[in-house]
Amino acid sequence: MDLKDLYQDLIVDHNRRPRNFRRMPDANRVAEGFNPLCGDKLTLYLKLDGGTISDVSFEGSGCAISVASASLLTERLKGATVEEAEALFADMIPLLTGKLPENAPREHFRKLAALEGVKEYPSRVKCASLSWHTLEAALKNAGQPVTTE
């Protein structure tokens, strides 16, 4: 199976059965994101315990790539430290846009590496990055909705 097949299979699976798709009433960080280009809307919930993300979930609607990216994000970040989440964000946007150097370590992406295929579809990069920009706002406790524009 090549990366494109893995990319498609993961996107389809996470879109059909998104993980951690629920409201989190006891979240201590909440951020909203919106992609005006395709209408994706997302609310991301974080529960921080000290410096650790003890729980993460999302609600919203959007295209398959947007939903799948948010689902993969929640799976990957549950139990991660804030520092790990910030480092992953710093690498994730270059991964999605095709600007991550070839020799950059990729182990910390795990399943998220499959999203690298989105770089082949520039109009979909904003769909895949919406949840990541929303994560950044939640970590900073920004309080303002984020947009991909």
C-alpha atoms as a PDB file:
ATOM      1  CA  MET A   1       0.000   0.000   0.000  1.00  0.00           C
ATOM      2  CA  ASP A   2       1.471   3.349  -0.958  1.00  0.00           C
ATOM      3  CA  LEU A   3       1.107   6.653   0.872  1.00  0.00           C
ATOM      4  CA  LYS A   4      -1.748   7.840  -1.370  1.00  0.00           C
ATOM      5  CA  ASP A   5      -3.787   4.720  -0.554  1.00  0.00           C
ATOM      6  CA  LEU A   6      -3.069   5.151   3.151  1.00  0.00           C
ATOM      7  CA  TYR A   7      -3.994   8.832   2.889  1.00  0.00           C
ATOM      8  CA  GLN A   8      -7.322   8.020   1.250  1.00  0.00           C
ATOM      9  CA  ASP A   9      -8.150   5.119   3.601  1.00  0.00           C
ATOM     10  CA  LEU A  10      -7.411   7.164   6.727  1.00  0.00           C
ATOM     11  CA  ILE A  11      -9.365  10.187   5.487  1.00  0.00           C
ATOM     12  CA  VAL A  12     -12.399   8.042   4.641  1.00  0.00           C
ATOM     13  CA  ASP A  13     -12.260   6.125   7.937  1.00  0.00           C
ATOM     14  CA  HIS A  14     -11.844   9.208  10.148  1.00  0.00           C
ATOM     15  CA  ASN A  15     -14.517  11.109   8.239  1.00  0.00           C
ATOM     16  CA  ARG A  16     -17.053   8.287   8.522  1.00  0.00           C
ATOM     17  CA  ARG A  17     -16.208   7.490  12.146  1.00  0.00           C
ATOM     18  CA  PRO A  18     -14.567  10.567  13.670  1.00  0.00           C
ATOM     19  CA  ARG A  19     -12.807   9.867  16.948  1.00  0.00           C
ATOM     20  CA  ASN A  20     -13.499  12.063  19.987  1.00  0.00           C
ATOM     21  CA  PHE A  21     -16.395  13.820  18.239  1.00  0.00           C
ATOM     22  CA  ARG A  22     -18.283  15.216  21.218  1.00  0.00           C
ATOM     23  CA  ARG A  23     -18.843  18.308  23.279  1.00  0.00           C
ATOM     24  CA  MET A  24     -16.699  18.444  26.411  1.00  0.00           C
ATOM     25  CA  PRO A  25     -18.552  20.354  29.155  1.00  0.00           C
ATOM     26  CA  ASP A  26     -15.573  20.289  31.541  1.00  0.00           C
ATOM     27  CA  ALA A  27     -13.007  21.553  29.005  1.00  0.00           C
ATOM     28  CA  ASN A  28     -10.796  24.326  30.339  1.00  0.00           C
ATOM     29  CA  ARG A  29      -9.782  25.522  26.856  1.00  0.00           C
ATOM     30  CA  VAL A  30     -12.173  25.946  23.931  1.00  0.00           C
ATOM     31  CA  ALA A  31     -11.501  27.455  20.514  1.00  0.00           C
ATOM     32  CA  GLU A  32     -13.561  27.872  17.380  1.00  0.00           C
ATOM     33  CA  GLY A  33     -12.295  27.727  13.824  1.00  0.00           C
ATOM     34  CA  PHE A  34     -13.856  28.501  10.475  1.00  0.00           C
ATOM     35  CA  ASN A  35     -12.753  27.936   6.879  1.00  0.00           C
ATOM     36  CA  PRO A  36     -14.781  30.375   4.753  1.00  0.00           C
ATOM     37  CA  LEU A  37     -13.468  28.822   1.532  1.00  0.00           C
ATOM     38  CA  CYS A  38     -15.345  25.579   2.032  1.00  0.00           C
ATOM     39  CA  GLY A  39     -17.560  26.248   5.048  1.00  0.00           C
ATOM     40  CA  ASP A  40     -15.782  24.008   7.568  1.00  0.00           C
ATOM     41  CA  LYS A  41     -16.671  24.894  11.171  1.00  0.00           C
ATOM     42  CA  LEU A  42     -14.967  23.436  14.202  1.00  0.00           C
ATOM     43  CA  THR A  43     -15.039  23.759  17.966  1.00  0.00           C
ATOM     44  CA  LEU A  44     -12.048  22.194  19.697  1.00  0.00           C
ATOM     45  CA  TYR A  45     -12.154  21.289  23.392  1.00  0.00           C
ATOM     46  CA  LEU A  46      -9.073  20.723  25.531  1.00  0.00           C
ATOM     47  CA  LYS A  47      -8.804  19.587  29.111  1.00  0.00           C
ATOM     48  CA  LEU A  48      -5.390  20.533  30.441  1.00  0.00           C
ATOM     49  CA  ASP A  49      -4.066  18.954  33.617  1.00  0.00           C
ATOM     50  CA  GLY A  50      -0.929  20.854  34.464  1.00  0.00           C
ATOM     51  CA  GLY A  51       1.117  20.666  31.294  1.00  0.00           C
ATOM     52  CA  THR A  52      -0.671  17.639  29.849  1.00  0.00           C
ATOM     53  CA  ILE A  53      -3.650  17.375  27.502  1.00  0.00           C
ATOM     54  CA  SER A  54      -5.688  14.844  29.469  1.00  0.00           C
ATOM     55  CA  ASP A  55      -8.633  15.001  27.053  1.00  0.00           C
ATOM     56  CA  VAL A  56      -9.355  16.539  23.663  1.00  0.00           C
ATOM     57  CA  SER A  57     -12.474  16.462  21.504  1.00  0.00           C
ATOM     58  CA  PHE A  58     -14.201  18.388  18.744  1.00  0.00           C
ATOM     59  CA  GLU A  59     -17.569  19.217  17.238  1.00  0.00           C
ATOM     60  CA  GLY A  60     -18.438  20.741  13.935  1.00  0.00           C
ATOM     61  CA  SER A  61     -19.105  20.102  10.305  1.00  0.00           C
ATOM     62  CA  GLY A  62     -16.988  20.169   7.227  1.00  0.00           C
ATOM     63  CA  CYS A  63     -15.522  18.301   4.335  1.00  0.00           C
ATOM     64  CA  ALA A  64     -13.958  14.863   4.747  1.00  0.00           C
ATOM     65  CA  ILE A  65     -10.410  16.234   5.025  1.00  0.00           C
ATOM     66  CA  SER A  66     -11.354  18.756   7.701  1.00  0.00           C
ATOM     67  CA  VAL A  67     -13.207  16.198   9.829  1.00  0.00           C
ATOM     68  CA  ALA A  68     -10.509  13.553   9.380  1.00  0.00           C
ATOM     69  CA  SER A  69      -7.732  15.982  10.291  1.00  0.00           C
ATOM     70  CA  ALA A  70      -9.545  17.002  13.489  1.00  0.00           C
ATOM     71  CA  SER A  71     -10.187  13.363  14.364  1.00  0.00           C
ATOM     72  CA  LEU A  72      -6.529  12.412  13.826  1.00  0.00           C
ATOM     73  CA  LEU A  73      -5.434  15.455  15.848  1.00  0.00           C
ATOM     74  CA  THR A  74      -7.531  14.378  18.845  1.00  0.00           C
ATOM     75  CA  GLU A  75      -6.204  10.828  18.706  1.00  0.00           C
ATOM     76  CA  ARG A  76      -2.600  11.977  18.528  1.00  0.00           C
ATOM     77  CA  LEU A  77      -2.748  14.659  21.225  1.00  0.00           C
ATOM     78  CA  LYS A  78      -4.653  12.903  24.005  1.00  0.00           C
ATOM     79  CA  GLY A  79      -2.050  12.447  26.743  1.00  0.00           C
ATOM     80  CA  ALA A  80       0.542  14.683  25.055  1.00  0.00           C
ATOM     81  CA  THR A  81       2.212  17.563  26.827  1.00  0.00           C
ATOM     82  CA  VAL A  82       1.511  21.134  25.764  1.00  0.00           C
ATOM     83  CA  GLU A  83       5.130  21.328  24.557  1.00  0.00           C
ATOM     84  CA  GLU A  84       4.653  18.212  22.395  1.00  0.00           C
ATOM     85  CA  ALA A  85       1.447  19.672  20.949  1.00  0.00           C
ATOM     86  CA  GLU A  86       3.184  22.976  20.142  1.00  0.00           C
ATOM     87  CA  ALA A  87       6.109  21.155  18.495  1.00  0.00           C
ATOM     88  CA  LEU A  88       3.728  19.022  16.458  1.00  0.00           C
ATOM     89  CA  PHE A  89       1.817  22.128  15.329  1.00  0.00           C
ATOM     90  CA  ALA A  90       5.098  23.757  14.272  1.00  0.00           C
ATOM     91  CA  ASP A  91       5.852  20.767  12.016  1.00  0.00           C
ATOM     92  CA  MET A  92       2.312  19.974  10.903  1.00  0.00           C
ATOM     93  CA  ILE A  93       1.727  23.087   8.791  1.00  0.00           C
ATOM     94  CA  PRO A  94       4.973  22.557   6.817  1.00  0.00           C
ATOM     95  CA  LEU A  95       4.001  18.885   6.388  1.00  0.00           C
ATOM     96  CA  LEU A  96       0.595  19.849   4.955  1.00  0.00           C
ATOM     97  CA  THR A  97       2.025  22.497   2.637  1.00  0.00           C
ATOM     98  CA  GLY A  98       4.947  20.393   1.378  1.00  0.00           C
ATOM     99  CA  LYS A  99       7.516  22.653   3.040  1.00  0.00           C
ATOM    100  CA  LEU A 100       8.820  20.155   5.603  1.00  0.00           C
ATOM    101  CA  PRO A 101      12.415  19.311   4.650  1.00  0.00           C
ATOM    102  CA  GLU A 102      12.843  15.785   3.292  1.00  0.00           C
ATOM    103  CA  ASN A 103      15.363  14.954   6.026  1.00  0.00           C
ATOM    104  CA  ALA A 104      13.156  16.225   8.879  1.00  0.00           C
ATOM    105  CA  PRO A 105      12.297  13.564  11.479  1.00  0.00           C
ATOM    106  CA  ARG A 106       8.775  12.208  10.969  1.00  0.00           C
ATOM    107  CA  GLU A 107       8.374   9.750  13.825  1.00  0.00           C
ATOM    108  CA  HIS A 108       6.299  12.094  15.969  1.00  0.00           C
ATOM    109  CA  PHE A 109       3.614  12.410  13.264  1.00  0.00           C
ATOM    110  CA  ARG A 110       2.585   8.742  13.523  1.00  0.00           C
ATOM    111  CA  LYS A 111      -0.767   8.380  11.660  1.00  0.00           C
ATOM    112  CA  LEU A 112      -0.778  12.116  10.953  1.00  0.00           C
ATOM    113  CA  ALA A 113       1.911  11.514   8.314  1.00  0.00           C
ATOM    114  CA  ALA A 114      -0.853  10.271   6.020  1.00  0.00           C
ATOM    115  CA  LEU A 115      -2.150  13.854   5.821  1.00  0.00           C
ATOM    116  CA  GLU A 116       1.014  14.794   3.943  1.00  0.00           C
ATOM    117  CA  GLY A 117      -0.855  13.753   0.790  1.00  0.00           C
ATOM    118  CA  VAL A 118      -2.979  16.905   1.046  1.00  0.00           C
ATOM    119  CA  LYS A 119      -0.015  18.919  -0.279  1.00  0.00           C
ATOM    120  CA  GLU A 120      -0.943  17.522  -3.710  1.00  0.00           C
ATOM    121  CA  TYR A 121      -4.239  19.443  -3.469  1.00  0.00           C
ATOM    122  CA  PRO A 122      -3.370  23.061  -2.533  1.00  0.00           C
ATOM    123  CA  SER A 123      -7.020  24.090  -2.282  1.00  0.00           C
ATOM    124  CA  ARG A 124      -7.500  21.465   0.472  1.00  0.00           C
ATOM    125  CA  VAL A 125      -4.564  22.485   2.676  1.00  0.00           C
ATOM    126  CA  LYS A 126      -6.777  24.961   4.562  1.00  0.00           C
ATOM    127  CA  CYS A 127      -9.288  22.169   5.215  1.00  0.00           C
ATOM    128  CA  ALA A 128      -6.587  19.982   6.755  1.00  0.00           C
ATOM    129  CA  SER A 129      -4.939  22.808   8.704  1.00  0.00           C
ATOM    130  CA  LEU A 130      -8.114  24.267  10.262  1.00  0.00           C
ATOM    131  CA  SER A 131      -8.060  21.980  13.301  1.00  0.00           C
ATOM    132  CA  TRP A 132      -4.351  22.714  13.830  1.00  0.00           C
ATOM    133  CA  HIS A 133      -4.825  26.486  13.791  1.00  0.00           C
ATOM    134  CA  THR A 134      -7.771  26.003  16.156  1.00  0.00           C
ATOM    135  CA  LEU A 135      -5.525  23.930  18.433  1.00  0.00           C
ATOM    136  CA  GLU A 136      -2.980  26.755  18.487  1.00  0.00           C
ATOM    137  CA  ALA A 137      -5.710  29.211  19.538  1.00  0.00           C
ATOM    138  CA  ALA A 138      -6.900  26.827  22.281  1.00  0.00           C
ATOM    139  CA  LEU A 139      -3.375  26.339  23.628  1.00  0.00           C
ATOM    140  CA  LYS A 140      -2.863  30.114  23.726  1.00  0.00           C
ATOM    141  CA  ASN A 141      -6.348  30.544  25.235  1.00  0.00           C
ATOM    142  CA  ALA A 142      -6.870  33.196  22.551  1.00  0.00           C
ATOM    143  CA  GLY A 143     -10.626  33.590  23.024  1.00  0.00           C
ATOM    144  CA  GLN A 144     -11.135  34.716  19.407  1.00  0.00           C
ATOM    145  CA  PRO A 145     -12.355  32.452  16.605  1.00  0.00           C
ATOM    146  CA  VAL A 146      -9.665  31.568  14.075  1.00  0.00           C
ATOM    147  CA  THR A 147     -10.083  31.532  10.336  1.00  0.00           C
ATOM    148  CA  THR A 148      -8.024  30.005   7.566  1.00  0.00           C
ATOM    149  CA  GLU A 149      -8.171  33.281   5.608  1.00  0.00           C
END
